[in-house]
Amino acid sequence: MSIELRHLRCFLAVAEEGGVTRAAARLHLTQPSVSRTLAALENHLGVRLADRSTHHFVLTAEGHAFRGLAATAVAAFDAALDTGRLRRRPLRVGHAWSALGTYTTPLLRRWQERYPDTPLELRRIDDRTAGLARGEVDAALLRGPVDTPGLVTELLLTEPRMAAVPADGPLAARDTLTLADLASQPVMVNTVSGTTTRALWPSAAGPVTTLTVGNTDDWLTAIAAARGVGVTGTSTAAVHPHPGIAYRLLTDAPPLPVHLAWREDGPHPGIPHLVALAHELTAARGE
C-alpha cells in the first residue's frame, strides 16, 4: 500500500490527543477508521508506533521518533501549498506563556525596523517545546532545561524565580518568600509547559502536595482562587499580572534559564539575526 498525508495527520492527532477516541472526535472520523489508519501505517513501517488498549495508550520509542519526522513532513507540505509564504516567509517563534518577558515588545519593534521583509510572528502554544518539535514554528523561546533531541539552543538570559500566591492570603503580606514558605501549601504545577517540579525543593522538605493543570491560564486561575501557590519566573509577573495574585521574589530558588531553540535540520535563515538581536536587547538592560 502507499502511505498518504492522511496517515501522517491521523497518527499526529492520535499522538497529540493521547488516544484514538479523542483523535477521532478531532478529525471527525469514527474510532474504527482511525484505528485502521494507524494500523495501516504501522504495517507499512513494520514497527509498532503505540501500545494501546481500551484504557491505555502510550507511544513506543519508535512512535516518539516517528512523531517528529511526521510533524516535519506535514508542516513542510502545508508550507509548500501556502502561496503567501512563497512571497514572504515569516519567522515563526513559539512560546508557552511569556515570550521574552519585558523584552518582547522591544524585540518585535526593533525586528520590524531592521528586517521589514521578514515578518516575526509570535505564537503561544501550550506544549513543552511551544510547537517546535511538531514543526509548527521555526524557533521557540523556552524556559528551563531543553532536552528534546534534534534541537539547538542558545541561552539568552536567566530570570529570578518568583512565588505566585493568592493576593488576599497571608504570604502576600511578605516582601520575599522562600521555597520552605510554600511547602506547606498545595503547589500548582503546569505539567504541559511549566518549569516547576518537586526537584526544586530538598528531598526531605518538598511540598505536601501538588495539583496539576495543563496551561498558564488554568494555573493563574487556580492560584487566584486560593487552590494553591506556584513558582515561576519574573517574566510571568510582568506579562501576566492578575488582581487575585501577588508575585513575591523567592530568595533561595535557582534562576530560570531562558533559551532560544530551533531545529538543527534546516533552520530558518533569520535565526542568527534573532539570536543577535535578543542578546543585544538583554545586554543593553544589564542582563
Protein backbone atom coordinates (compact mmCIF):
# COMPACT_ATOMS: atom_id res chain seq x y z
CA MET A 1 0.00 0.00 0.00
CA SER A 2 1.03 3.63 -0.39
CA ILE A 3 1.19 5.99 2.55
CA GLU A 4 -0.69 9.25 2.13
CA LEU A 5 -0.66 12.51 4.04
CA ARG A 6 -3.86 11.46 5.83
CA HIS A 7 -1.98 8.62 7.52
CA LEU A 8 0.53 11.08 8.97
CA ARG A 9 -2.16 13.55 10.07
CA CYS A 10 -4.08 10.73 11.71
CA PHE A 11 -1.03 9.48 13.60
CA LEU A 12 -0.16 13.01 14.78
CA ALA A 13 -3.71 13.54 16.02
CA VAL A 14 -3.62 10.27 17.95
CA ALA A 15 -0.22 11.14 19.44
CA GLU A 16 -1.24 14.68 20.41
CA GLU A 17 -4.64 13.65 21.83
CA GLY A 18 -3.23 10.66 23.67
CA GLY A 19 -5.64 8.12 22.26
CA VAL A 20 -7.87 7.03 19.41
CA THR A 21 -11.17 8.26 20.87
CA ARG A 22 -10.19 11.93 21.19
CA ALA A 23 -8.31 11.84 17.90
CA ALA A 24 -11.40 10.51 16.12
CA ALA A 25 -13.50 13.36 17.54
CA ARG A 26 -10.89 15.91 16.49
CA LEU A 27 -10.68 14.50 12.96
CA HIS A 28 -14.46 13.98 12.65
CA LEU A 29 -13.90 10.30 11.91
CA THR A 30 -15.09 7.09 13.51
CA GLN A 31 -12.86 5.32 16.01
CA PRO A 32 -12.61 2.18 13.82
CA SER A 33 -11.50 4.33 10.88
CA VAL A 34 -8.74 5.95 12.95
CA SER A 35 -7.64 2.58 14.30
CA ARG A 36 -7.45 1.11 10.80
CA THR A 37 -5.45 4.08 9.50
CA LEU A 38 -2.98 3.80 12.38
CA ALA A 39 -2.67 0.05 11.88
CA ALA A 40 -2.07 0.51 8.15
CA LEU A 41 0.73 2.96 8.87
CA GLU A 42 2.31 0.55 11.35
CA ASN A 43 2.06 -2.31 8.85
CA HIS A 44 3.76 -0.21 6.20
CA LEU A 45 6.58 0.83 8.54
CA GLY A 46 6.91 -2.60 10.09
CA VAL A 47 7.03 -1.22 13.64
CA ARG A 48 4.60 -0.65 16.48
CA LEU A 49 4.05 3.08 16.96
CA ALA A 50 1.86 2.89 20.09
CA ASP A 51 0.91 0.44 22.78
CA ARG A 52 -2.82 0.81 23.15
CA SER A 53 -5.85 -0.82 24.73
CA THR A 54 -9.24 0.37 25.95
CA HIS A 55 -7.77 2.15 28.96
CA HIS A 56 -4.14 2.58 27.98
CA PHE A 57 -2.23 4.48 25.31
CA VAL A 58 1.47 5.29 25.12
CA LEU A 59 3.81 5.90 22.21
CA THR A 60 6.61 3.41 21.74
CA ALA A 61 10.20 4.54 21.27
CA GLU A 62 9.66 4.18 17.53
CA GLY A 63 6.45 6.19 17.82
CA HIS A 64 8.23 9.08 19.54
CA ALA A 65 10.92 9.10 16.86
CA PHE A 66 8.39 8.92 14.03
CA ARG A 67 6.28 11.72 15.55
CA GLY A 68 9.00 14.30 14.96
CA LEU A 69 9.58 13.13 11.40
CA ALA A 70 5.86 13.09 10.61
CA ALA A 71 5.34 16.57 12.07
CA THR A 72 8.17 17.97 9.97
CA ALA A 73 6.80 16.32 6.81
CA VAL A 74 3.26 17.62 7.36
CA ALA A 75 4.47 21.12 8.20
CA ALA A 76 6.64 21.18 5.08
CA PHE A 77 3.73 20.05 2.91
CA ASP A 78 1.39 22.69 4.36
CA ALA A 79 4.03 25.41 3.95
CA ALA A 80 4.66 24.41 0.33
CA LEU A 81 0.99 24.96 -0.54
CA ASP A 82 0.78 28.34 1.19
CA THR A 83 1.33 30.81 -1.65
CA GLY A 84 1.68 33.68 0.80
CA ARG A 85 4.80 32.08 2.22
CA LEU A 86 6.32 31.96 -1.24
CA ARG A 87 6.31 35.75 -1.27
CA ARG A 88 7.33 36.43 2.34
CA ARG A 89 8.43 33.62 4.61
CA PRO A 90 7.79 34.69 8.21
CA LEU A 91 9.94 33.71 11.14
CA ARG A 92 7.52 31.92 13.47
CA VAL A 93 8.58 31.93 17.13
CA GLY A 94 6.66 29.84 19.62
CA HIS A 95 6.40 30.38 23.36
CA ALA A 96 4.39 28.73 26.10
CA TRP A 97 3.44 31.69 28.23
CA SER A 98 5.72 34.76 28.49
CA ALA A 99 7.75 35.02 25.25
CA LEU A 100 10.82 37.12 26.11
CA GLY A 101 9.15 38.83 29.06
CA THR A 102 9.70 42.59 29.21
CA TYR A 103 11.96 42.35 26.15
CA THR A 104 9.14 41.08 23.94
CA THR A 105 7.81 44.42 22.70
CA PRO A 106 11.28 45.94 22.09
CA LEU A 107 12.22 42.77 20.21
CA LEU A 108 9.19 43.00 17.92
CA ARG A 109 9.66 46.69 17.26
CA ARG A 110 13.37 46.51 16.54
CA TRP A 111 12.92 43.47 14.30
CA GLN A 112 10.32 45.33 12.27
CA GLU A 113 12.71 48.26 11.85
CA ARG A 114 15.65 46.14 10.75
CA TYR A 115 14.02 43.29 8.84
CA PRO A 116 10.71 44.60 7.44
CA ASP A 117 10.65 41.99 4.68
CA THR A 118 10.63 39.08 7.15
CA PRO A 119 7.64 39.20 9.49
CA LEU A 120 8.33 37.98 13.03
CA GLU A 121 5.31 36.05 14.29
CA LEU A 122 4.94 35.15 17.97
CA ARG A 123 2.69 32.17 18.64
CA ARG A 124 1.64 30.97 22.07
CA ILE A 125 1.44 27.17 22.03
CA ASP A 126 0.85 25.17 25.22
CA ASP A 127 3.44 22.48 24.59
CA ARG A 128 6.80 21.50 26.12
CA THR A 129 8.64 22.89 23.07
CA ALA A 130 6.00 25.50 22.16
CA GLY A 131 5.25 23.72 18.88
CA LEU A 132 8.87 23.46 17.74
CA ALA A 133 9.16 19.67 17.84
CA ARG A 134 5.89 19.38 15.90
CA GLY A 135 7.08 21.73 13.16
CA GLU A 136 4.51 24.44 13.92
CA VAL A 137 7.16 27.13 14.44
CA ASP A 138 10.72 27.85 13.27
CA ALA A 139 12.10 28.67 16.71
CA ALA A 140 10.86 28.79 20.29
CA LEU A 141 11.53 30.72 23.48
CA LEU A 142 11.78 28.04 26.15
CA ARG A 143 12.31 28.17 29.90
CA GLY A 144 14.04 25.54 31.95
CA PRO A 145 16.16 22.66 30.62
CA VAL A 146 15.72 21.71 26.96
CA ASP A 147 16.45 18.03 26.31
CA THR A 148 14.40 17.31 23.17
CA PRO A 149 16.58 15.56 20.58
CA GLY A 150 17.33 17.41 17.36
CA LEU A 151 17.14 20.93 18.82
CA VAL A 152 19.85 23.58 19.04
CA THR A 153 19.65 26.03 21.94
CA GLU A 154 21.12 29.42 22.78
CA LEU A 155 20.93 30.75 26.34
CA LEU A 156 19.57 34.30 26.21
CA LEU A 157 19.22 35.20 29.89
CA THR A 158 18.24 33.90 33.31
CA GLU A 159 15.25 35.05 35.33
CA PRO A 160 14.92 35.09 39.12
CA ARG A 161 12.14 32.83 40.30
CA MET A 162 9.00 34.25 41.88
CA ALA A 163 6.33 32.83 44.14
CA ALA A 164 2.76 33.32 42.95
CA VAL A 165 0.36 33.38 45.89
CA PRO A 166 -3.28 34.40 46.45
CA ALA A 167 -3.39 38.19 46.79
CA ASP A 168 -5.57 38.03 49.92
CA GLY A 169 -3.56 35.29 51.66
CA PRO A 170 -1.02 35.64 54.48
CA LEU A 171 2.01 35.00 52.23
CA ALA A 172 1.13 38.05 50.12
CA ALA A 173 1.84 40.29 53.12
CA ARG A 174 5.56 39.49 52.94
CA ASP A 175 8.09 41.16 50.63
CA THR A 176 10.06 37.99 49.87
CA LEU A 177 9.50 34.28 50.35
CA THR A 178 11.46 31.04 50.42
CA LEU A 179 10.69 27.63 48.98
CA ALA A 180 10.06 26.40 52.52
CA ASP A 181 7.32 29.02 52.90
CA LEU A 182 5.47 27.39 50.01
CA ALA A 183 6.00 23.77 51.03
CA SER A 184 3.05 23.65 53.42
CA GLN A 185 0.67 24.75 50.64
CA PRO A 186 -0.56 22.78 47.61
CA VAL A 187 1.77 23.74 44.75
CA MET A 188 0.17 24.22 41.33
CA VAL A 189 2.17 22.52 38.58
CA ASN A 190 1.68 23.06 34.85
CA THR A 191 2.57 19.61 33.55
CA VAL A 192 2.42 20.61 29.87
CA SER A 193 4.74 23.61 29.63
CA GLY A 194 5.67 24.60 33.18
CA THR A 195 9.09 24.51 34.85
CA THR A 196 8.19 23.69 38.46
CA THR A 197 8.88 20.21 39.84
CA ARG A 198 9.47 18.73 43.29
CA ALA A 199 13.19 18.76 42.45
CA LEU A 200 13.26 22.49 43.31
CA TRP A 201 12.92 21.56 46.98
CA PRO A 202 15.29 19.44 49.08
CA SER A 203 14.12 15.82 49.03
CA ALA A 204 13.03 15.90 52.68
CA ALA A 205 11.35 19.30 52.50
CA GLY A 206 9.22 19.21 49.38
CA PRO A 207 5.64 20.43 49.10
CA VAL A 208 2.95 18.50 50.94
CA THR A 209 1.03 18.05 47.73
CA THR A 210 0.94 19.19 44.12
CA LEU A 211 -2.07 19.92 41.93
CA THR A 212 -1.73 19.77 38.17
CA VAL A 213 -3.06 21.96 35.35
CA GLY A 214 -2.43 21.96 31.62
CA ASN A 215 -1.78 25.61 30.74
CA THR A 216 -0.86 29.00 32.13
CA ASP A 217 -4.42 30.35 32.18
CA ASP A 218 -5.64 27.50 34.37
CA TRP A 219 -2.55 27.90 36.58
CA LEU A 220 -3.32 31.58 37.15
CA THR A 221 -7.00 30.92 37.81
CA ALA A 222 -6.28 28.18 40.35
CA ILE A 223 -3.85 30.32 42.35
CA ALA A 224 -6.20 33.33 42.33
CA ALA A 225 -8.93 31.01 43.64
CA ALA A 226 -6.62 30.01 46.53
CA ARG A 227 -6.40 26.38 45.46
CA GLY A 228 -2.64 26.57 45.88
CA VAL A 229 0.55 28.53 45.21
CA GLY A 230 3.00 28.49 42.34
CA VAL A 231 6.60 29.10 41.29
CA THR A 232 7.50 30.92 38.09
CA GLY A 233 9.93 33.41 36.54
CA THR A 234 9.90 37.18 36.78
CA SER A 235 8.55 37.45 33.23
CA THR A 236 5.25 35.92 34.34
CA ALA A 237 4.72 38.72 36.82
CA ALA A 238 5.36 41.27 34.07
CA VAL A 239 3.36 39.64 31.29
CA HIS A 240 0.54 38.07 33.34
CA PRO A 241 -0.44 40.45 36.16
CA HIS A 242 -3.59 39.22 37.91
CA PRO A 243 -5.72 41.03 40.50
CA GLY A 244 -6.05 37.83 42.50
CA ILE A 245 -2.33 37.01 42.55
CA ALA A 246 0.66 38.51 44.35
CA TYR A 247 4.13 37.77 42.98
CA ARG A 248 6.96 37.69 45.52
CA LEU A 249 10.68 37.09 44.95
CA LEU A 250 11.93 33.66 46.06
CA THR A 251 15.27 34.25 47.75
CA ASP A 252 16.55 30.66 47.66
CA ALA A 253 15.30 29.32 44.31
CA PRO A 254 17.73 28.78 41.42
CA PRO A 255 17.35 31.16 38.46
CA LEU A 256 15.30 30.09 35.46
CA PRO A 257 17.20 29.90 32.15
CA VAL A 258 15.53 31.28 29.01
CA HIS A 259 16.66 29.70 25.73
CA LEU A 260 16.01 30.29 22.08
CA ALA A 261 15.73 26.89 20.41
CA TRP A 262 15.46 25.76 16.80
CA ARG A 263 15.67 22.52 14.87
CA GLU A 264 19.14 21.55 13.68
CA ASP A 265 17.76 20.32 10.33
CA GLY A 266 17.13 23.26 8.01
CA PRO A 267 16.93 26.27 10.36
CA HIS A 268 15.18 29.44 9.21
CA PRO A 269 17.74 31.91 7.75
CA GLY A 270 16.52 34.64 10.11
CA ILE A 271 17.51 32.78 13.29
CA PRO A 272 21.08 34.19 13.55
CA HIS A 273 19.61 37.70 13.35
CA LEU A 274 17.07 36.84 16.06
CA VAL A 275 19.78 35.47 18.36
CA ALA A 276 21.92 38.56 17.87
CA LEU A 277 19.03 40.95 18.46
CA ALA A 278 17.90 39.14 21.61
CA HIS A 279 21.42 39.30 23.05
CA GLU A 280 21.65 42.97 22.10
CA LEU A 281 18.44 43.80 23.99
CA THR A 282 19.23 41.81 27.12
CA ALA A 283 22.82 43.13 27.29
CA ALA A 284 21.58 46.71 26.98
CA ARG A 285 19.41 46.21 30.08
CA GLY A 286 22.14 44.72 32.17
CA GLU A 287 21.34 41.01 31.87
